[in-house]
């Protein structure tokens, strides 16, 4: 698992709350975390927000 995956796994509830604050269109279904499927999760967030995968990753890394 990547360092990014470790960050998501360890702090997902907090990260999820901040993502929902930042991007009001995101729902719990959009933010369903499954270990090992971080890229899928990023893709869903990217599609819903219109941000690049790098933007989303950067937002999460800076939390």
PDB file of N, CA and C in Angstrom:
ATOM      1  N   UNK A   1       0.848  -1.188   0.000  1.00  0.00           N
ATOM      2  CA  UNK A   1       0.000   0.000   0.000  1.00  0.00           C
ATOM      3  C   UNK A   1       0.887   1.241   0.000  1.00  0.00           C
ATOM      4  N   UNK A   2       0.454   2.230  -0.686  1.00  0.00           N
ATOM      5  CA  UNK A   2       1.212   3.481  -0.773  1.00  0.00           C
ATOM      6  C   UNK A   2       1.072   4.282   0.519  1.00  0.00           C
ATOM      7  N   UNK A   3       1.937   5.268   0.666  1.00  0.00           N
ATOM      8  CA  UNK A   3       1.829   6.167   1.817  1.00  0.00           C
ATOM      9  C   UNK A   3       0.481   6.874   1.793  1.00  0.00           C
ATOM     10  N   UNK A   4       0.024   7.207   0.585  1.00  0.00           N
ATOM     11  CA  UNK A   4      -1.290   7.829   0.443  1.00  0.00           C
ATOM     12  C   UNK A   4      -2.382   6.891   0.962  1.00  0.00           C
ATOM     13  N   UNK A   5      -2.290   5.623   0.599  1.00  0.00           N
ATOM     14  CA  UNK A   5      -3.254   4.636   1.080  1.00  0.00           C
ATOM     15  C   UNK A   5      -3.228   4.500   2.595  1.00  0.00           C
ATOM     16  N   UNK A   6      -2.021   4.550   3.161  1.00  0.00           N
ATOM     17  CA  UNK A   6      -1.893   4.490   4.624  1.00  0.00           C
ATOM     18  C   UNK A   6      -2.569   5.679   5.279  1.00  0.00           C
ATOM     19  N   UNK A   7      -2.388   6.859   4.697  1.00  0.00           N
ATOM     20  CA  UNK A   7      -2.999   8.078   5.262  1.00  0.00           C
ATOM     21  C   UNK A   7      -4.515   7.965   5.226  1.00  0.00           C
ATOM     22  N   UNK A   8      -5.040   7.528   4.090  1.00  0.00           N
ATOM     23  CA  UNK A   8      -6.490   7.393   3.954  1.00  0.00           C
ATOM     24  C   UNK A   8      -7.018   6.371   4.949  1.00  0.00           C
ATOM     25  N   UNK A   9      -6.393   5.221   5.014  1.00  0.00           N
ATOM     26  CA  UNK A   9      -6.862   4.146   5.894  1.00  0.00           C
ATOM     27  C   UNK A   9      -6.885   4.590   7.352  1.00  0.00           C
ATOM     28  N   UNK A  10      -5.829   5.259   7.782  1.00  0.00           N
ATOM     29  CA  UNK A  10      -5.709   5.628   9.190  1.00  0.00           C
ATOM     30  C   UNK A  10      -6.603   6.772   9.627  1.00  0.00           C
ATOM     31  N   UNK A  11      -6.988   7.628   8.702  1.00  0.00           N
ATOM     32  CA  UNK A  11      -7.710   8.846   9.077  1.00  0.00           C
ATOM     33  C   UNK A  11      -8.973   9.059   8.245  1.00  0.00           C
ATOM     34  N   UNK A  12      -9.540   7.990   7.714  1.00  0.00           N
ATOM     35  CA  UNK A  12     -10.578   8.168   6.710  1.00  0.00           C
ATOM     36  C   UNK A  12     -11.785   8.971   7.195  1.00  0.00           C
ATOM     37  N   UNK A  13     -12.268   8.736   8.403  1.00  0.00           N
ATOM     38  CA  UNK A  13     -13.458   9.466   8.871  1.00  0.00           C
ATOM     39  C   UNK A  13     -13.201  10.973   8.913  1.00  0.00           C
ATOM     40  N   UNK A  14     -12.038  11.361   9.385  1.00  0.00           N
ATOM     41  CA  UNK A  14     -11.686  12.788   9.436  1.00  0.00           C
ATOM     42  C   UNK A  14     -11.536  13.352   8.018  1.00  0.00           C
ATOM     43  N   UNK A  15     -10.838  12.622   7.158  1.00  0.00           N
ATOM     44  CA  UNK A  15     -10.636  13.067   5.777  1.00  0.00           C
ATOM     45  C   UNK A  15     -11.969  13.189   5.059  1.00  0.00           C
ATOM     46  N   UNK A  16     -12.828  12.208   5.247  1.00  0.00           N
ATOM     47  CA  UNK A  16     -14.141  12.209   4.601  1.00  0.00           C
ATOM     48  C   UNK A  16     -14.934  13.456   4.996  1.00  0.00           C
ATOM     49  N   UNK A  17     -14.919  13.807   6.262  1.00  0.00           N
ATOM     50  CA  UNK A  17     -15.628  14.994   6.737  1.00  0.00           C
ATOM     51  C   UNK A  17     -15.094  16.262   6.086  1.00  0.00           C
ATOM     52  N   UNK A  18     -13.767  16.351   5.972  1.00  0.00           N
ATOM     53  CA  UNK A  18     -13.167  17.552   5.364  1.00  0.00           C
ATOM     54  C   UNK A  18     -13.468  17.618   3.873  1.00  0.00           C
ATOM     55  N   UNK A  19     -13.470  16.472   3.200  1.00  0.00           N
ATOM     56  CA  UNK A  19     -13.818  16.451   1.775  1.00  0.00           C
ATOM     57  C   UNK A  19     -15.256  16.910   1.570  1.00  0.00           C
ATOM     58  N   UNK A  20     -16.151  16.463   2.436  1.00  0.00           N
ATOM     59  CA  UNK A  20     -17.565  16.858   2.318  1.00  0.00           C
ATOM     60  C   UNK A  20     -17.736  18.354   2.588  1.00  0.00           C
ATOM     61  N   UNK A  21     -16.942  18.906   3.503  1.00  0.00           N
ATOM     62  CA  UNK A  21     -16.991  20.352   3.757  1.00  0.00           C
ATOM     63  C   UNK A  21     -16.492  21.120   2.541  1.00  0.00           C
ATOM     64  N   UNK A  22     -15.383  20.653   1.950  1.00  0.00           N
ATOM     65  CA  UNK A  22     -14.754  21.338   0.829  1.00  0.00           C
ATOM     66  C   UNK A  22     -15.585  21.199  -0.449  1.00  0.00           C
ATOM     67  N   UNK A  23     -16.118  19.997  -0.666  1.00  0.00           N
ATOM     68  CA  UNK A  23     -16.856  19.700  -1.897  1.00  0.00           C
ATOM     69  C   UNK A  23     -18.251  19.222  -1.503  1.00  0.00           C
ATOM     70  N   UNK A  24     -19.174  20.150  -1.379  1.00  0.00           N
ATOM     71  CA  UNK A  24     -20.511  19.863  -0.875  1.00  0.00           C
ATOM     72  C   UNK A  24     -21.310  18.856  -1.676  1.00  0.00           C
ATOM     73  N   UNK A  25     -20.912  18.576  -2.925  1.00  0.00           N
ATOM     74  CA  UNK A  25     -21.638  17.617  -3.753  1.00  0.00           C
ATOM     75  C   UNK A  25     -21.360  16.172  -3.383  1.00  0.00           C
ATOM     76  N   UNK A  26     -20.301  15.926  -2.616  1.00  0.00           N
ATOM     77  CA  UNK A  26     -19.927  14.548  -2.303  1.00  0.00           C
ATOM     78  C   UNK A  26     -20.876  13.939  -1.276  1.00  0.00           C
ATOM     79  N   UNK A  27     -21.223  12.683  -1.507  1.00  0.00           N
ATOM     80  CA  UNK A  27     -22.105  11.952  -0.590  1.00  0.00           C
ATOM     81  C   UNK A  27     -21.310  10.839   0.084  1.00  0.00           C
ATOM     82  N   UNK A  28     -21.915  10.205   1.080  1.00  0.00           N
ATOM     83  CA  UNK A  28     -21.270   9.058   1.732  1.00  0.00           C
ATOM     84  C   UNK A  28     -21.004   7.942   0.723  1.00  0.00           C
ATOM     85  N   UNK A  29     -21.917   7.761  -0.236  1.00  0.00           N
ATOM     86  CA  UNK A  29     -21.712   6.735  -1.262  1.00  0.00           C
ATOM     87  C   UNK A  29     -20.489   7.049  -2.117  1.00  0.00           C
ATOM     88  N   UNK A  30     -20.301   8.334  -2.453  1.00  0.00           N
ATOM     89  CA  UNK A  30     -19.131   8.738  -3.230  1.00  0.00           C
ATOM     90  C   UNK A  30     -17.844   8.459  -2.459  1.00  0.00           C
ATOM     91  N   UNK A  31     -17.929   8.534  -1.150  1.00  0.00           N
ATOM     92  CA  UNK A  31     -16.748   8.444  -0.299  1.00  0.00           C
ATOM     93  C   UNK A  31     -16.625   7.093   0.411  1.00  0.00           C
ATOM     94  N   UNK A  32     -17.203   6.064  -0.181  1.00  0.00           N
ATOM     95  CA  UNK A  32     -17.109   4.719   0.382  1.00  0.00           C
ATOM     96  C   UNK A  32     -15.684   4.220   0.189  1.00  0.00           C
ATOM     97  N   UNK A  33     -14.957   4.026   1.282  1.00  0.00           N
ATOM     98  CA  UNK A  33     -13.556   3.602   1.206  1.00  0.00           C
ATOM     99  C   UNK A  33     -13.465   2.089   1.283  1.00  0.00           C
ATOM    100  N   UNK A  34     -12.762   1.503   0.322  1.00  0.00           N
ATOM    101  CA  UNK A  34     -12.461   0.078   0.334  1.00  0.00           C
ATOM    102  C   UNK A  34     -10.945  -0.049   0.242  1.00  0.00           C
ATOM    103  N   UNK A  35     -10.361  -0.711   1.219  1.00  0.00           N
ATOM    104  CA  UNK A  35      -8.909  -0.850   1.251  1.00  0.00           C
ATOM    105  C   UNK A  35      -8.402  -1.465  -0.050  1.00  0.00           C
ATOM    106  N   UNK A  36      -7.345  -0.867  -0.595  1.00  0.00           N
ATOM    107  CA  UNK A  36      -6.766  -1.348  -1.843  1.00  0.00           C
ATOM    108  C   UNK A  36      -7.389  -0.730  -3.082  1.00  0.00           C
ATOM    109  N   UNK A  37      -8.457   0.053  -2.899  1.00  0.00           N
ATOM    110  CA  UNK A  37      -9.143   0.670  -4.038  1.00  0.00           C
ATOM    111  C   UNK A  37      -9.061   2.196  -3.967  1.00  0.00           C
ATOM    112  N   UNK A  38      -7.919   2.693  -3.511  1.00  0.00           N
ATOM    113  CA  UNK A  38      -7.743   4.131  -3.358  1.00  0.00           C
ATOM    114  C   UNK A  38      -7.883   4.862  -4.692  1.00  0.00           C
ATOM    115  N   UNK A  39      -7.351   4.261  -5.777  1.00  0.00           N
ATOM    116  CA  UNK A  39      -7.442   4.919  -7.085  1.00  0.00           C
ATOM    117  C   UNK A  39      -8.882   5.051  -7.552  1.00  0.00           C
ATOM    118  N   UNK A  40      -9.695   4.017  -7.281  1.00  0.00           N
ATOM    119  CA  UNK A  40     -11.120   4.082  -7.620  1.00  0.00           C
ATOM    120  C   UNK A  40     -11.797   5.210  -6.855  1.00  0.00           C
ATOM    121  N   UNK A  41     -11.481   5.310  -5.580  1.00  0.00           N
ATOM    122  CA  UNK A  41     -12.041   6.357  -4.729  1.00  0.00           C
ATOM    123  C   UNK A  41     -11.647   7.736  -5.260  1.00  0.00           C
ATOM    124  N   UNK A  42     -10.371   7.908  -5.588  1.00  0.00           N
ATOM    125  CA  UNK A  42      -9.919   9.184  -6.138  1.00  0.00           C
ATOM    126  C   UNK A  42     -10.642   9.501  -7.441  1.00  0.00           C
ATOM    127  N   UNK A  43     -10.856   8.482  -8.270  1.00  0.00           N
ATOM    128  CA  UNK A  43     -11.569   8.677  -9.527  1.00  0.00           C
ATOM    129  C   UNK A  43     -12.986   9.164  -9.306  1.00  0.00           C
ATOM    130  N   UNK A  44     -13.674   8.585  -8.326  1.00  0.00           N
ATOM    131  CA  UNK A  44     -15.050   9.011  -8.012  1.00  0.00           C
ATOM    132  C   UNK A  44     -15.077  10.465  -7.548  1.00  0.00           C
ATOM    133  N   UNK A  45     -14.145  10.807  -6.650  1.00  0.00           N
ATOM    134  CA  UNK A  45     -14.083  12.181  -6.133  1.00  0.00           C
ATOM    135  C   UNK A  45     -13.767  13.133  -7.280  1.00  0.00           C
ATOM    136  N   UNK A  46     -12.825  12.749  -8.114  1.00  0.00           N
ATOM    137  CA  UNK A  46     -12.414  13.578  -9.254  1.00  0.00           C
ATOM    138  C   UNK A  46     -13.592  13.824 -10.184  1.00  0.00           C
ATOM    139  N   UNK A  47     -14.327  12.775 -10.501  1.00  0.00           N
ATOM    140  CA  UNK A  47     -15.468  12.892 -11.419  1.00  0.00           C
ATOM    141  C   UNK A  47     -16.542  13.815 -10.832  1.00  0.00           C
ATOM    142  N   UNK A  48     -16.811  13.671  -9.558  1.00  0.00           N
ATOM    143  CA  UNK A  48     -17.880  14.429  -8.916  1.00  0.00           C
ATOM    144  C   UNK A  48     -17.517  15.905  -8.726  1.00  0.00           C
ATOM    145  N   UNK A  49     -16.215  16.180  -8.459  1.00  0.00           N
ATOM    146  CA  UNK A  49     -15.806  17.549  -8.155  1.00  0.00           C
ATOM    147  C   UNK A  49     -15.265  18.302  -9.367  1.00  0.00           C
ATOM    148  N   UNK A  50     -14.866  17.568 -10.407  1.00  0.00           N
ATOM    149  CA  UNK A  50     -14.264  18.209 -11.569  1.00  0.00           C
ATOM    150  C   UNK A  50     -12.801  18.574 -11.355  1.00  0.00           C
ATOM    151  N   UNK A  51     -12.235  18.154 -10.233  1.00  0.00           N
ATOM    152  CA  UNK A  51     -10.815  18.410  -9.943  1.00  0.00           C
ATOM    153  C   UNK A  51      -9.968  17.285 -10.539  1.00  0.00           C
ATOM    154  N   UNK A  52      -8.672  17.550 -10.698  1.00  0.00           N
ATOM    155  CA  UNK A  52      -7.780  16.494 -11.161  1.00  0.00           C
ATOM    156  C   UNK A  52      -7.473  15.555  -9.998  1.00  0.00           C
ATOM    157  N   UNK A  53      -7.018  14.356 -10.338  1.00  0.00           N
ATOM    158  CA  UNK A  53      -6.645  13.393  -9.306  1.00  0.00           C
ATOM    159  C   UNK A  53      -5.542  13.978  -8.430  1.00  0.00           C
ATOM    160  N   UNK A  54      -4.619  14.715  -9.053  1.00  0.00           N
ATOM    161  CA  UNK A  54      -3.521  15.336  -8.298  1.00  0.00           C
ATOM    162  C   UNK A  54      -4.048  16.400  -7.331  1.00  0.00           C
ATOM    163  N   UNK A  55      -5.055  17.168  -7.774  1.00  0.00           N
ATOM    164  CA  UNK A  55      -5.659  18.172  -6.889  1.00  0.00           C
ATOM    165  C   UNK A  55      -6.283  17.520  -5.661  1.00  0.00           C
ATOM    166  N   UNK A  56      -7.016  16.445  -5.892  1.00  0.00           N
ATOM    167  CA  UNK A  56      -7.691  15.745  -4.785  1.00  0.00           C
ATOM    168  C   UNK A  56      -6.646  15.153  -3.843  1.00  0.00           C
ATOM    169  N   UNK A  57      -5.637  14.503  -4.428  1.00  0.00           N
ATOM    170  CA  UNK A  57      -4.579  13.905  -3.618  1.00  0.00           C
ATOM    171  C   UNK A  57      -3.853  14.965  -2.802  1.00  0.00           C
ATOM    172  N   UNK A  58      -3.571  16.097  -3.431  1.00  0.00           N
ATOM    173  CA  UNK A  58      -2.891  17.192  -2.754  1.00  0.00           C
ATOM    174  C   UNK A  58      -3.724  17.735  -1.597  1.00  0.00           C
ATOM    175  N   UNK A  59      -5.035  17.898  -1.830  1.00  0.00           N
ATOM    176  CA  UNK A  59      -5.930  18.367  -0.775  1.00  0.00           C
ATOM    177  C   UNK A  59      -5.862  17.426   0.433  1.00  0.00           C
ATOM    178  N   UNK A  60      -5.944  16.134   0.164  1.00  0.00           N
ATOM    179  CA  UNK A  60      -5.916  15.135   1.246  1.00  0.00           C
ATOM    180  C   UNK A  60      -4.555  15.135   1.931  1.00  0.00           C
ATOM    181  N   UNK A  61      -3.471  15.193   1.140  1.00  0.00           N
ATOM    182  CA  UNK A  61      -2.115  15.180   1.729  1.00  0.00           C
ATOM    183  C   UNK A  61      -1.880  16.382   2.634  1.00  0.00           C
ATOM    184  N   UNK A  62      -2.534  17.503   2.344  1.00  0.00           N
ATOM    185  CA  UNK A  62      -2.312  18.715   3.125  1.00  0.00           C
ATOM    186  C   UNK A  62      -3.227  18.833   4.337  1.00  0.00           C
ATOM    187  N   UNK A  63      -4.043  17.851   4.597  1.00  0.00           N
ATOM    188  CA  UNK A  63      -4.925  17.902   5.773  1.00  0.00           C
ATOM    189  C   UNK A  63      -4.133  17.637   7.032  1.00  0.00           C
TER     190      UNK A  63
END
